[in-house]
């Protein structure tokens, strides 16, 4: 395993840690807002063709959108970052990617729980 991959994994862990912190510290309305951004990111990902198994276009698109929201101080950036991380982890070539996957699933579940229920 080369140093670049290890450094990428460390950086991604820090980003995922920040993402989880933002989700857990948000109230119900803000969490719902983040969940909406996550769902919007998933729709965008589904609309971009996968080029020979390369998830990079999806990841870049999510980070670009996240940067736009972050510039506005909008918590929607968290949902976009989470989608980018999820797509990177799904490539399954990082050290301990299964651990990352568990954390990503936990974050997604926290967002899905935040959806309002209609009676």
PDB file of N, CA and C in Angstrom:
ATOM      1  N   UNK A   1       0.848  -1.174   0.000  1.00  0.00           N
ATOM      2  CA  UNK A   1       0.000   0.000   0.000  1.00  0.00           C
ATOM      3  C   UNK A   1       0.891   1.233   0.000  1.00  0.00           C
ATOM      4  N   UNK A   2       0.644   2.119  -0.947  1.00  0.00           N
ATOM      5  CA  UNK A   2       1.525   3.284  -1.032  1.00  0.00           C
ATOM      6  C   UNK A   2       1.057   4.412  -0.116  1.00  0.00           C
ATOM      7  N   UNK A   3       1.967   5.359   0.095  1.00  0.00           N
ATOM      8  CA  UNK A   3       1.703   6.462   1.019  1.00  0.00           C
ATOM      9  C   UNK A   3       0.542   7.344   0.572  1.00  0.00           C
ATOM     10  N   UNK A   4       0.363   7.493  -0.745  1.00  0.00           N
ATOM     11  CA  UNK A   4      -0.735   8.329  -1.250  1.00  0.00           C
ATOM     12  C   UNK A   4      -2.091   7.779  -0.839  1.00  0.00           C
ATOM     13  N   UNK A   5      -2.238   6.465  -0.910  1.00  0.00           N
ATOM     14  CA  UNK A   5      -3.508   5.840  -0.542  1.00  0.00           C
ATOM     15  C   UNK A   5      -3.758   6.006   0.957  1.00  0.00           C
ATOM     16  N   UNK A   6      -2.720   5.857   1.742  1.00  0.00           N
ATOM     17  CA  UNK A   6      -2.852   6.024   3.193  1.00  0.00           C
ATOM     18  C   UNK A   6      -3.223   7.471   3.528  1.00  0.00           C
ATOM     19  N   UNK A   7      -2.579   8.412   2.862  1.00  0.00           N
ATOM     20  CA  UNK A   7      -2.897   9.835   3.097  1.00  0.00           C
ATOM     21  C   UNK A   7      -4.328  10.153   2.666  1.00  0.00           C
ATOM     22  N   UNK A   8      -4.759   9.570   1.554  1.00  0.00           N
ATOM     23  CA  UNK A   8      -6.141   9.781   1.104  1.00  0.00           C
ATOM     24  C   UNK A   8      -7.117   9.241   2.139  1.00  0.00           C
ATOM     25  N   UNK A   9      -6.834   8.058   2.669  1.00  0.00           N
ATOM     26  CA  UNK A   9      -7.712   7.456   3.677  1.00  0.00           C
ATOM     27  C   UNK A   9      -7.764   8.321   4.933  1.00  0.00           C
ATOM     28  N   UNK A  10      -6.630   8.858   5.352  1.00  0.00           N
ATOM     29  CA  UNK A  10      -6.602   9.737   6.528  1.00  0.00           C
ATOM     30  C   UNK A  10      -7.442  10.995   6.291  1.00  0.00           C
ATOM     31  N   UNK A  11      -7.254  11.594   5.120  1.00  0.00           N
ATOM     32  CA  UNK A  11      -8.008  12.807   4.793  1.00  0.00           C
ATOM     33  C   UNK A  11      -9.500  12.516   4.726  1.00  0.00           C
ATOM     34  N   UNK A  12      -9.848  11.369   4.151  1.00  0.00           N
ATOM     35  CA  UNK A  12     -11.261  11.021   4.053  1.00  0.00           C
ATOM     36  C   UNK A  12     -11.853  10.762   5.440  1.00  0.00           C
ATOM     37  N   UNK A  13     -11.066  10.145   6.319  1.00  0.00           N
ATOM     38  CA  UNK A  13     -11.564   9.915   7.669  1.00  0.00           C
ATOM     39  C   UNK A  13     -11.853  11.239   8.364  1.00  0.00           C
ATOM     40  N   UNK A  14     -10.954  12.223   8.203  1.00  0.00           N
ATOM     41  CA  UNK A  14     -11.188  13.538   8.818  1.00  0.00           C
ATOM     42  C   UNK A  14     -12.456  14.177   8.255  1.00  0.00           C
ATOM     43  N   UNK A  15     -12.647  14.052   6.952  1.00  0.00           N
ATOM     44  CA  UNK A  15     -13.843  14.622   6.324  1.00  0.00           C
ATOM     45  C   UNK A  15     -15.098  13.906   6.787  1.00  0.00           C
ATOM     46  N   UNK A  16     -15.018  12.591   6.897  1.00  0.00           N
ATOM     47  CA  UNK A  16     -16.165  11.819   7.371  1.00  0.00           C
ATOM     48  C   UNK A  16     -16.465  12.140   8.832  1.00  0.00           C
ATOM     49  N   UNK A  17     -15.422  12.329   9.618  1.00  0.00           N
ATOM     50  CA  UNK A  17     -15.598  12.708  11.022  1.00  0.00           C
ATOM     51  C   UNK A  17     -16.332  14.048  11.118  1.00  0.00           C
ATOM     52  N   UNK A  18     -15.919  15.021  10.281  1.00  0.00           N
ATOM     53  CA  UNK A  18     -16.585  16.324  10.240  1.00  0.00           C
ATOM     54  C   UNK A  18     -18.046  16.163   9.820  1.00  0.00           C
ATOM     55  N   UNK A  19     -18.270  15.338   8.802  1.00  0.00           N
ATOM     56  CA  UNK A  19     -19.624  15.112   8.287  1.00  0.00           C
ATOM     57  C   UNK A  19     -20.525  14.525   9.374  1.00  0.00           C
ATOM     58  N   UNK A  20     -20.036  13.504  10.049  1.00  0.00           N
ATOM     59  CA  UNK A  20     -20.820  12.892  11.127  1.00  0.00           C
ATOM     60  C   UNK A  20     -21.081  13.892  12.246  1.00  0.00           C
ATOM     61  N   UNK A  21     -20.091  14.702  12.560  1.00  0.00           N
ATOM     62  CA  UNK A  21     -20.267  15.721  13.588  1.00  0.00           C
ATOM     63  C   UNK A  21     -21.342  16.730  13.204  1.00  0.00           C
ATOM     64  N   UNK A  22     -21.320  17.164  11.965  1.00  0.00           N
ATOM     65  CA  UNK A  22     -22.333  18.115  11.499  1.00  0.00           C
ATOM     66  C   UNK A  22     -23.734  17.509  11.568  1.00  0.00           C
ATOM     67  N   UNK A  23     -23.847  16.240  11.200  1.00  0.00           N
ATOM     68  CA  UNK A  23     -25.162  15.578  11.241  1.00  0.00           C
ATOM     69  C   UNK A  23     -25.642  15.431  12.680  1.00  0.00           C
ATOM     70  N   UNK A  24     -24.767  14.958  13.551  1.00  0.00           N
ATOM     71  CA  UNK A  24     -25.199  14.716  14.931  1.00  0.00           C
ATOM     72  C   UNK A  24     -25.479  16.012  15.685  1.00  0.00           C
ATOM     73  N   UNK A  25     -24.831  17.096  15.322  1.00  0.00           N
ATOM     74  CA  UNK A  25     -25.038  18.370  16.005  1.00  0.00           C
ATOM     75  C   UNK A  25     -26.205  19.169  15.446  1.00  0.00           C
ATOM     76  N   UNK A  26     -26.773  18.726  14.349  1.00  0.00           N
ATOM     77  CA  UNK A  26     -27.858  19.478  13.734  1.00  0.00           C
ATOM     78  C   UNK A  26     -29.196  19.097  14.365  1.00  0.00           C
ATOM     79  N   UNK A  27     -30.088  20.055  14.351  1.00  0.00           N
ATOM     80  CA  UNK A  27     -31.437  19.796  14.819  1.00  0.00           C
ATOM     81  C   UNK A  27     -32.255  19.121  13.735  1.00  0.00           C
ATOM     82  N   UNK A  28     -33.506  18.775  14.052  1.00  0.00           N
ATOM     83  CA  UNK A  28     -34.336  18.053  13.084  1.00  0.00           C
ATOM     84  C   UNK A  28     -34.522  18.767  11.743  1.00  0.00           C
ATOM     85  N   UNK A  29     -34.743  20.078  11.771  1.00  0.00           N
ATOM     86  CA  UNK A  29     -34.954  20.814  10.508  1.00  0.00           C
ATOM     87  C   UNK A  29     -33.691  20.835   9.658  1.00  0.00           C
ATOM     88  N   UNK A  30     -32.573  21.103  10.307  1.00  0.00           N
ATOM     89  CA  UNK A  30     -31.310  21.152   9.565  1.00  0.00           C
ATOM     90  C   UNK A  30     -30.939  19.760   9.049  1.00  0.00           C
ATOM     91  N   UNK A  31     -31.172  18.746   9.853  1.00  0.00           N
ATOM     92  CA  UNK A  31     -30.887  17.377   9.414  1.00  0.00           C
ATOM     93  C   UNK A  31     -31.752  17.020   8.204  1.00  0.00           C
ATOM     94  N   UNK A  32     -32.986  17.460   8.224  1.00  0.00           N
ATOM     95  CA  UNK A  32     -33.877  17.238   7.086  1.00  0.00           C
ATOM     96  C   UNK A  32     -33.340  17.956   5.843  1.00  0.00           C
ATOM     97  N   UNK A  33     -32.815  19.146   6.036  1.00  0.00           N
ATOM     98  CA  UNK A  33     -32.221  19.920   4.940  1.00  0.00           C
ATOM     99  C   UNK A  33     -31.006  19.176   4.363  1.00  0.00           C
ATOM    100  N   UNK A  34     -30.172  18.641   5.229  1.00  0.00           N
ATOM    101  CA  UNK A  34     -28.997  17.872   4.802  1.00  0.00           C
ATOM    102  C   UNK A  34     -29.443  16.616   4.057  1.00  0.00           C
ATOM    103  N   UNK A  35     -30.484  15.968   4.570  1.00  0.00           N
ATOM    104  CA  UNK A  35     -31.006  14.756   3.923  1.00  0.00           C
ATOM    105  C   UNK A  35     -31.506  15.075   2.517  1.00  0.00           C
ATOM    106  N   UNK A  36     -32.155  16.219   2.357  1.00  0.00           N
ATOM    107  CA  UNK A  36     -32.616  16.626   1.029  1.00  0.00           C
ATOM    108  C   UNK A  36     -31.456  16.828   0.069  1.00  0.00           C
ATOM    109  N   UNK A  37     -30.378  17.422   0.562  1.00  0.00           N
ATOM    110  CA  UNK A  37     -29.188  17.617  -0.271  1.00  0.00           C
ATOM    111  C   UNK A  37     -28.561  16.269  -0.630  1.00  0.00           C
ATOM    112  N   UNK A  38     -28.540  15.353   0.326  1.00  0.00           N
ATOM    113  CA  UNK A  38     -28.011  14.010   0.058  1.00  0.00           C
ATOM    114  C   UNK A  38     -28.826  13.334  -1.042  1.00  0.00           C
ATOM    115  N   UNK A  39     -30.144  13.441  -0.955  1.00  0.00           N
ATOM    116  CA  UNK A  39     -31.006  12.822  -1.967  1.00  0.00           C
ATOM    117  C   UNK A  39     -30.824  13.492  -3.327  1.00  0.00           C
ATOM    118  N   UNK A  40     -30.646  14.806  -3.325  1.00  0.00           N
ATOM    119  CA  UNK A  40     -30.392  15.523  -4.580  1.00  0.00           C
ATOM    120  C   UNK A  40     -29.072  15.040  -5.194  1.00  0.00           C
ATOM    121  N   UNK A  41     -28.067  14.832  -4.348  1.00  0.00           N
ATOM    122  CA  UNK A  41     -26.776  14.328  -4.826  1.00  0.00           C
ATOM    123  C   UNK A  41     -26.919  12.932  -5.416  1.00  0.00           C
ATOM    124  N   UNK A  42     -27.723  12.097  -4.774  1.00  0.00           N
ATOM    125  CA  UNK A  42     -27.921  10.750  -5.285  1.00  0.00           C
ATOM    126  C   UNK A  42     -28.595  10.775  -6.658  1.00  0.00           C
ATOM    127  N   UNK A  43     -29.514  11.717  -6.852  1.00  0.00           N
ATOM    128  CA  UNK A  43     -30.159  11.855  -8.161  1.00  0.00           C
ATOM    129  C   UNK A  43     -29.157  12.315  -9.220  1.00  0.00           C
ATOM    130  N   UNK A  44     -28.299  13.252  -8.840  1.00  0.00           N
ATOM    131  CA  UNK A  44     -27.278  13.712  -9.785  1.00  0.00           C
ATOM    132  C   UNK A  44     -26.341  12.566 -10.152  1.00  0.00           C
ATOM    133  N   UNK A  45     -25.908  11.808  -9.170  1.00  0.00           N
ATOM    134  CA  UNK A  45     -25.018  10.667  -9.405  1.00  0.00           C
ATOM    135  C   UNK A  45     -25.667   9.691 -10.382  1.00  0.00           C
ATOM    136  N   UNK A  46     -26.942   9.419 -10.169  1.00  0.00           N
ATOM    137  CA  UNK A  46     -27.651   8.475 -11.040  1.00  0.00           C
ATOM    138  C   UNK A  46     -27.754   8.993 -12.474  1.00  0.00           C
ATOM    139  N   UNK A  47     -27.681  10.309 -12.650  1.00  0.00           N
ATOM    140  CA  UNK A  47     -27.823  10.883 -13.995  1.00  0.00           C
ATOM    141  C   UNK A  47     -26.496  10.956 -14.760  1.00  0.00           C
ATOM    142  N   UNK A  48     -25.380  10.745 -14.070  1.00  0.00           N
ATOM    143  CA  UNK A  48     -24.067  10.809 -14.720  1.00  0.00           C
ATOM    144  C   UNK A  48     -23.634   9.397 -15.079  1.00  0.00           C
ATOM    145  N   UNK A  49     -23.390   9.133 -16.357  1.00  0.00           N
ATOM    146  CA  UNK A  49     -22.975   7.779 -16.748  1.00  0.00           C
ATOM    147  C   UNK A  49     -21.641   7.399 -16.101  1.00  0.00           C
ATOM    148  N   UNK A  50     -21.546   6.154 -15.685  1.00  0.00           N
ATOM    149  CA  UNK A  50     -20.299   5.658 -15.102  1.00  0.00           C
ATOM    150  C   UNK A  50     -19.362   5.298 -16.246  1.00  0.00           C
ATOM    151  N   UNK A  51     -18.229   5.943 -16.277  1.00  0.00           N
ATOM    152  CA  UNK A  51     -17.259   5.777 -17.361  1.00  0.00           C
ATOM    153  C   UNK A  51     -16.280   4.657 -17.015  1.00  0.00           C
ATOM    154  N   UNK A  52     -16.508   3.478 -17.567  1.00  0.00           N
ATOM    155  CA  UNK A  52     -15.603   2.329 -17.382  1.00  0.00           C
ATOM    156  C   UNK A  52     -15.326   2.057 -15.908  1.00  0.00           C
ATOM    157  N   UNK A  53     -16.346   2.164 -15.084  1.00  0.00           N
ATOM    158  CA  UNK A  53     -16.192   1.862 -13.671  1.00  0.00           C
ATOM    159  C   UNK A  53     -15.543   2.967 -12.856  1.00  0.00           C
ATOM    160  N   UNK A  54     -15.319   4.136 -13.457  1.00  0.00           N
ATOM    161  CA  UNK A  54     -14.671   5.244 -12.768  1.00  0.00           C
ATOM    162  C   UNK A  54     -15.713   6.109 -12.067  1.00  0.00           C
ATOM    163  N   UNK A  55     -15.634   6.163 -10.745  1.00  0.00           N
ATOM    164  CA  UNK A  55     -16.584   6.960  -9.967  1.00  0.00           C
ATOM    165  C   UNK A  55     -16.148   8.419  -9.847  1.00  0.00           C
ATOM    166  N   UNK A  56     -14.987   8.759 -10.377  1.00  0.00           N
ATOM    167  CA  UNK A  56     -14.441  10.106 -10.224  1.00  0.00           C
ATOM    168  C   UNK A  56     -15.409  11.209 -10.673  1.00  0.00           C
ATOM    169  N   UNK A  57     -16.091  11.071 -11.815  1.00  0.00           N
ATOM    170  CA  UNK A  57     -17.009  12.158 -12.209  1.00  0.00           C
ATOM    171  C   UNK A  57     -18.101  12.408 -11.160  1.00  0.00           C
ATOM    172  N   UNK A  58     -18.576  11.360 -10.524  1.00  0.00           N
ATOM    173  CA  UNK A  58     -19.605  11.515  -9.485  1.00  0.00           C
ATOM    174  C   UNK A  58     -19.025  12.231  -8.273  1.00  0.00           C
ATOM    175  N   UNK A  59     -17.829  11.807  -7.875  1.00  0.00           N
ATOM    176  CA  UNK A  59     -17.187  12.374  -6.689  1.00  0.00           C
ATOM    177  C   UNK A  59     -16.894  13.854  -6.902  1.00  0.00           C
ATOM    178  N   UNK A  60     -16.332  14.176  -8.064  1.00  0.00           N
ATOM    179  CA  UNK A  60     -16.002  15.567  -8.378  1.00  0.00           C
ATOM    180  C   UNK A  60     -17.269  16.421  -8.415  1.00  0.00           C
ATOM    181  N   UNK A  61     -18.320  15.916  -9.039  1.00  0.00           N
ATOM    182  CA  UNK A  61     -19.579  16.674  -9.118  1.00  0.00           C
ATOM    183  C   UNK A  61     -20.125  16.968  -7.715  1.00  0.00           C
ATOM    184  N   UNK A  62     -20.050  15.988  -6.839  1.00  0.00           N
ATOM    185  CA  UNK A  62     -20.553  16.181  -5.474  1.00  0.00           C
ATOM    186  C   UNK A  62     -19.704  17.191  -4.701  1.00  0.00           C
ATOM    187  N   UNK A  63     -18.387  17.098  -4.832  1.00  0.00           N
ATOM    188  CA  UNK A  63     -17.532  18.062  -4.130  1.00  0.00           C
ATOM    189  C   UNK A  63     -17.706  19.470  -4.691  1.00  0.00           C
ATOM    190  N   UNK A  64     -17.893  19.603  -5.988  1.00  0.00           N
ATOM    191  CA  UNK A  64     -18.119  20.929  -6.569  1.00  0.00           C
ATOM    192  C   UNK A  64     -19.397  21.553  -6.014  1.00  0.00           C
ATOM    193  N   UNK A  65     -20.456  20.751  -5.959  1.00  0.00           N
ATOM    194  CA  UNK A  65     -21.726  21.272  -5.423  1.00  0.00           C
ATOM    195  C   UNK A  65     -21.590  21.580  -3.932  1.00  0.00           C
ATOM    196  N   UNK A  66     -20.884  20.713  -3.211  1.00  0.00           N
ATOM    197  CA  UNK A  66     -20.656  20.950  -1.788  1.00  0.00           C
ATOM    198  C   UNK A  66     -19.920  22.269  -1.573  1.00  0.00           C
ATOM    199  N   UNK A  67     -18.892  22.526  -2.391  1.00  0.00           N
ATOM    200  CA  UNK A  67     -18.142  23.776  -2.272  1.00  0.00           C
ATOM    201  C   UNK A  67     -19.046  24.988  -2.480  1.00  0.00           C
ATOM    202  N   UNK A  68     -19.987  24.873  -3.424  1.00  0.00           N
ATOM    203  CA  UNK A  68     -20.926  25.977  -3.673  1.00  0.00           C
ATOM    204  C   UNK A  68     -21.785  26.253  -2.449  1.00  0.00           C
ATOM    205  N   UNK A  69     -22.297  25.192  -1.840  1.00  0.00           N
ATOM    206  CA  UNK A  69     -23.130  25.366  -0.640  1.00  0.00           C
ATOM    207  C   UNK A  69     -22.299  25.852   0.544  1.00  0.00           C
ATOM    208  N   UNK A  70     -21.092  25.344   0.661  1.00  0.00           N
ATOM    209  CA  UNK A  70     -20.234  25.750   1.777  1.00  0.00           C
ATOM    210  C   UNK A  70     -19.912  27.236   1.676  1.00  0.00           C
ATOM    211  N   UNK A  71     -19.708  27.743   0.466  1.00  0.00           N
ATOM    212  CA  UNK A  71     -19.423  29.164   0.259  1.00  0.00           C
ATOM    213  C   UNK A  71     -20.581  30.028   0.749  1.00  0.00           C
ATOM    214  N   UNK A  72     -21.776  29.472   0.723  1.00  0.00           N
ATOM    215  CA  UNK A  72     -22.969  30.189   1.198  1.00  0.00           C
ATOM    216  C   UNK A  72     -23.259  29.908   2.673  1.00  0.00           C
ATOM    217  N   UNK A  73     -22.382  29.134   3.304  1.00  0.00           N
ATOM    218  CA  UNK A  73     -22.575  28.724   4.698  1.00  0.00           C
ATOM    219  C   UNK A  73     -23.859  27.910   4.859  1.00  0.00           C
ATOM    220  N   UNK A  74     -24.174  27.109   3.871  1.00  0.00           N
ATOM    221  CA  UNK A  74     -25.394  26.303   3.837  1.00  0.00           C
ATOM    222  C   UNK A  74     -25.041  24.858   4.210  1.00  0.00           C
ATOM    223  N   UNK A  75     -25.747  24.318   5.185  1.00  0.00           N
ATOM    224  CA  UNK A  75     -25.458  22.965   5.665  1.00  0.00           C
ATOM    225  C   UNK A  75     -25.757  21.883   4.628  1.00  0.00           C
ATOM    226  N   UNK A  76     -26.367  22.248   3.518  1.00  0.00           N
ATOM    227  CA  UNK A  76     -26.589  21.272   2.443  1.00  0.00           C
ATOM    228  C   UNK A  76     -25.257  20.700   1.959  1.00  0.00           C
ATOM    229  N   UNK A  77     -24.173  21.433   2.178  1.00  0.00           N
ATOM    230  CA  UNK A  77     -22.850  20.944   1.762  1.00  0.00           C
ATOM    231  C   UNK A  77     -22.555  19.590   2.397  1.00  0.00           C
ATOM    232  N   UNK A  78     -23.094  19.336   3.569  1.00  0.00           N
ATOM    233  CA  UNK A  78     -22.840  18.079   4.285  1.00  0.00           C
ATOM    234  C   UNK A  78     -23.414  16.893   3.507  1.00  0.00           C
ATOM    235  N   UNK A  79     -24.613  17.020   2.979  1.00  0.00           N
ATOM    236  CA  UNK A  79     -25.226  15.944   2.209  1.00  0.00           C
ATOM    237  C   UNK A  79     -24.447  15.637   0.947  1.00  0.00           C
ATOM    238  N   UNK A  80     -23.905  16.680   0.319  1.00  0.00           N
ATOM    239  CA  UNK A  80     -23.108  16.494  -0.893  1.00  0.00           C
ATOM    240  C   UNK A  80     -21.771  15.844  -0.580  1.00  0.00           C
ATOM    241  N   UNK A  81     -21.143  16.238   0.529  1.00  0.00           N
ATOM    242  CA  UNK A  81     -19.879  15.617   0.941  1.00  0.00           C
ATOM    243  C   UNK A  81     -20.102  14.145   1.263  1.00  0.00           C
ATOM    244  N   UNK A  82     -21.186  13.859   1.974  1.00  0.00           N
ATOM    245  CA  UNK A  82     -21.487  12.473   2.324  1.00  0.00           C
ATOM    246  C   UNK A  82     -21.642  11.614   1.068  1.00  0.00           C
ATOM    247  N   UNK A  83     -22.309  12.138   0.065  1.00  0.00           N
ATOM    248  CA  UNK A  83     -22.464  11.396  -1.194  1.00  0.00           C
ATOM    249  C   UNK A  83     -21.121  11.165  -1.872  1.00  0.00           C
ATOM    250  N   UNK A  84     -20.255  12.173  -1.864  1.00  0.00           N
ATOM    251  CA  UNK A  84     -18.930  12.020  -2.467  1.00  0.00           C
ATOM    252  C   UNK A  84     -18.133  10.942  -1.736  1.00  0.00           C
ATOM    253  N   UNK A  85     -18.168  10.979  -0.423  1.00  0.00           N
ATOM    254  CA  UNK A  85     -17.450   9.974   0.366  1.00  0.00           C
ATOM    255  C   UNK A  85     -18.020   8.591   0.089  1.00  0.00           C
ATOM    256  N   UNK A  86     -19.332   8.490   0.052  1.00  0.00           N
ATOM    257  CA  UNK A  86     -19.974   7.202  -0.198  1.00  0.00           C
ATOM    258  C   UNK A  86     -19.522   6.612  -1.538  1.00  0.00           C
ATOM    259  N   UNK A  87     -19.481   7.437  -2.559  1.00  0.00           N
ATOM    260  CA  UNK A  87     -19.062   6.947  -3.867  1.00  0.00           C
ATOM    261  C   UNK A  87     -17.592   6.539  -3.867  1.00  0.00           C
ATOM    262  N   UNK A  88     -16.758   7.290  -3.148  1.00  0.00           N
ATOM    263  CA  UNK A  88     -15.335   6.925  -3.069  1.00  0.00           C
ATOM    264  C   UNK A  88     -15.149   5.606  -2.328  1.00  0.00           C
ATOM    265  N   UNK A  89     -15.872   5.435  -1.246  1.00  0.00           N
ATOM    266  CA  UNK A  89     -15.781   4.184  -0.472  1.00  0.00           C
ATOM    267  C   UNK A  89     -16.279   3.007  -1.305  1.00  0.00           C
ATOM    268  N   UNK A  90     -17.292   3.225  -2.111  1.00  0.00           N
ATOM    269  CA  UNK A  90     -17.852   2.150  -2.941  1.00  0.00           C
ATOM    270  C   UNK A  90     -16.871   1.609  -3.976  1.00  0.00           C
ATOM    271  N   UNK A  91     -15.797   2.331  -4.245  1.00  0.00           N
ATOM    272  CA  UNK A  91     -14.762   1.838  -5.148  1.00  0.00           C
ATOM    273  C   UNK A  91     -14.036   0.641  -4.512  1.00  0.00           C
ATOM    274  N   UNK A  92     -14.021   0.590  -3.195  1.00  0.00           N
ATOM    275  CA  UNK A  92     -13.502  -0.532  -2.408  1.00  0.00           C
ATOM    276  C   UNK A  92     -12.001  -0.760  -2.582  1.00  0.00           C
ATOM    277  N   UNK A  93     -11.239   0.306  -2.738  1.00  0.00           N
ATOM    278  CA  UNK A  93      -9.798   0.137  -2.858  1.00  0.00           C
ATOM    279  C   UNK A  93      -9.000   0.879  -1.789  1.00  0.00           C
ATOM    280  N   UNK A  94      -9.691   1.397  -0.791  1.00  0.00           N
ATOM    281  CA  UNK A  94      -9.020   2.071   0.311  1.00  0.00           C
ATOM    282  C   UNK A  94      -8.707   1.069   1.419  1.00  0.00           C
ATOM    283  N   UNK A  95      -7.669   1.338   2.207  1.00  0.00           N
ATOM    284  CA  UNK A  95      -7.441   0.456   3.356  1.00  0.00           C
ATOM    285  C   UNK A  95      -8.638   0.562   4.302  1.00  0.00           C
ATOM    286  N   UNK A  96      -9.079  -0.569   4.794  1.00  0.00           N
ATOM    287  CA  UNK A  96     -10.219  -0.629   5.730  1.00  0.00           C
ATOM    288  C   UNK A  96     -11.487   0.003   5.172  1.00  0.00           C
ATOM    289  N   UNK A  97     -11.711  -0.150   3.868  1.00  0.00           N
ATOM    290  CA  UNK A  97     -12.887   0.465   3.248  1.00  0.00           C
ATOM    291  C   UNK A  97     -14.180  -0.017   3.885  1.00  0.00           C
ATOM    292  N   UNK A  98     -14.184  -1.242   4.423  1.00  0.00           N
ATOM    293  CA  UNK A  98     -15.400  -1.765   5.061  1.00  0.00           C
ATOM    294  C   UNK A  98     -15.766  -0.929   6.290  1.00  0.00           C
ATOM    295  N   UNK A  99     -14.762  -0.470   7.018  1.00  0.00           N
ATOM    296  CA  UNK A  99     -15.021   0.378   8.189  1.00  0.00           C
ATOM    297  C   UNK A  99     -15.599   1.718   7.755  1.00  0.00           C
ATOM    298  N   UNK A 100     -15.028   2.267   6.692  1.00  0.00           N
ATOM    299  CA  UNK A 100     -15.586   3.509   6.142  1.00  0.00           C
ATOM    300  C   UNK A 100     -17.042   3.301   5.728  1.00  0.00           C
ATOM    301  N   UNK A 101     -17.293   2.158   5.099  1.00  0.00           N
ATOM    302  CA  UNK A 101     -18.644   1.872   4.616  1.00  0.00           C
ATOM    303  C   UNK A 101     -19.640   1.825   5.777  1.00  0.00           C
ATOM    304  N   UNK A 102     -19.253   1.241   6.888  1.00  0.00           N
ATOM    305  CA  UNK A 102     -20.133   1.188   8.063  1.00  0.00           C
ATOM    306  C   UNK A 102     -20.439   2.586   8.581  1.00  0.00           C
ATOM    307  N   UNK A 103     -19.424   3.442   8.616  1.00  0.00           N
ATOM    308  CA  UNK A 103     -19.638   4.817   9.080  1.00  0.00           C
ATOM    309  C   UNK A 103     -20.529   5.601   8.124  1.00  0.00           C
ATOM    310  N   UNK A 104     -20.317   5.396   6.831  1.00  0.00           N
ATOM    311  CA  UNK A 104     -21.156   6.075   5.836  1.00  0.00           C
ATOM    312  C   UNK A 104     -22.605   5.613   5.983  1.00  0.00           C
ATOM    313  N   UNK A 105     -22.810   4.319   6.129  1.00  0.00           N
ATOM    314  CA  UNK A 105     -24.181   3.804   6.308  1.00  0.00           C
ATOM    315  C   UNK A 105     -24.831   4.398   7.543  1.00  0.00           C
ATOM    316  N   UNK A 106     -24.050   4.514   8.619  1.00  0.00           N
ATOM    317  CA  UNK A 106     -24.582   5.093   9.853  1.00  0.00           C
ATOM    318  C   UNK A 106     -25.014   6.541   9.617  1.00  0.00           C
ATOM    319  N   UNK A 107     -24.194   7.297   8.901  1.00  0.00           N
ATOM    320  CA  UNK A 107     -24.532   8.688   8.611  1.00  0.00           C
ATOM    321  C   UNK A 107     -25.794   8.781   7.760  1.00  0.00           C
ATOM    322  N   UNK A 108     -25.886   7.939   6.746  1.00  0.00           N
ATOM    323  CA  UNK A 108     -27.072   7.938   5.878  1.00  0.00           C
ATOM    324  C   UNK A 108     -28.310   7.566   6.691  1.00  0.00           C
ATOM    325  N   UNK A 109     -28.193   6.580   7.549  1.00  0.00           N
ATOM    326  CA  UNK A 109     -29.341   6.183   8.382  1.00  0.00           C
ATOM    327  C   UNK A 109     -29.777   7.314   9.289  1.00  0.00           C
ATOM    328  N   UNK A 110     -28.816   8.068   9.832  1.00  0.00           N
ATOM    329  CA  UNK A 110     -29.180   9.204  10.685  1.00  0.00           C
ATOM    330  C   UNK A 110     -29.966  10.231   9.889  1.00  0.00           C
ATOM    331  N   UNK A 111     -29.612  10.409   8.623  1.00  0.00           N
ATOM    332  CA  UNK A 111     -30.352  11.358   7.781  1.00  0.00           C
ATOM    333  C   UNK A 111     -31.730  10.827   7.428  1.00  0.00           C
ATOM    334  N   UNK A 112     -31.809   9.551   7.111  1.00  0.00           N
ATOM    335  CA  UNK A 112     -33.099   8.983   6.708  1.00  0.00           C
ATOM    336  C   UNK A 112     -34.094   8.994   7.861  1.00  0.00           C
ATOM    337  N   UNK A 113     -33.604   8.845   9.063  1.00  0.00           N
ATOM    338  CA  UNK A 113     -34.472   8.893  10.238  1.00  0.00           C
ATOM    339  C   UNK A 113     -35.053  10.288  10.411  1.00  0.00           C
ATOM    340  N   UNK A 114     -34.347  11.290   9.876  1.00  0.00           N
ATOM    341  CA  UNK A 114     -34.788  12.665  10.079  1.00  0.00           C
ATOM    342  C   UNK A 114     -35.949  13.078   9.198  1.00  0.00           C
ATOM    343  N   UNK A 115     -36.331  12.216   8.264  1.00  0.00           N
ATOM    344  CA  UNK A 115     -37.442  12.559   7.382  1.00  0.00           C
ATOM    345  C   UNK A 115     -38.734  12.700   8.188  1.00  0.00           C
ATOM    346  N   UNK A 116     -39.512  13.713   7.884  1.00  0.00           N
ATOM    347  CA  UNK A 116     -40.785  13.858   8.596  1.00  0.00           C
ATOM    348  C   UNK A 116     -41.757  12.770   8.174  1.00  0.00           C
ATOM    349  N   UNK A 117     -42.586  12.382   9.108  1.00  0.00           N
ATOM    350  CA  UNK A 117     -43.603  11.368   8.778  1.00  0.00           C
ATOM    351  C   UNK A 117     -44.922  12.054   8.519  1.00  0.00           C
ATOM    352  N   UNK A 118     -45.606  11.545   7.521  1.00  0.00           N
ATOM    353  CA  UNK A 118     -46.921  12.095   7.181  1.00  0.00           C
ATOM    354  C   UNK A 118     -47.987  11.072   7.529  1.00  0.00           C
ATOM    355  N   UNK A 119     -49.058  11.548   8.130  1.00  0.00           N
ATOM    356  CA  UNK A 119     -50.151  10.648   8.530  1.00  0.00           C
ATOM    357  C   UNK A 119     -51.360  10.862   7.648  1.00  0.00           C
TER     358      UNK A 119
END
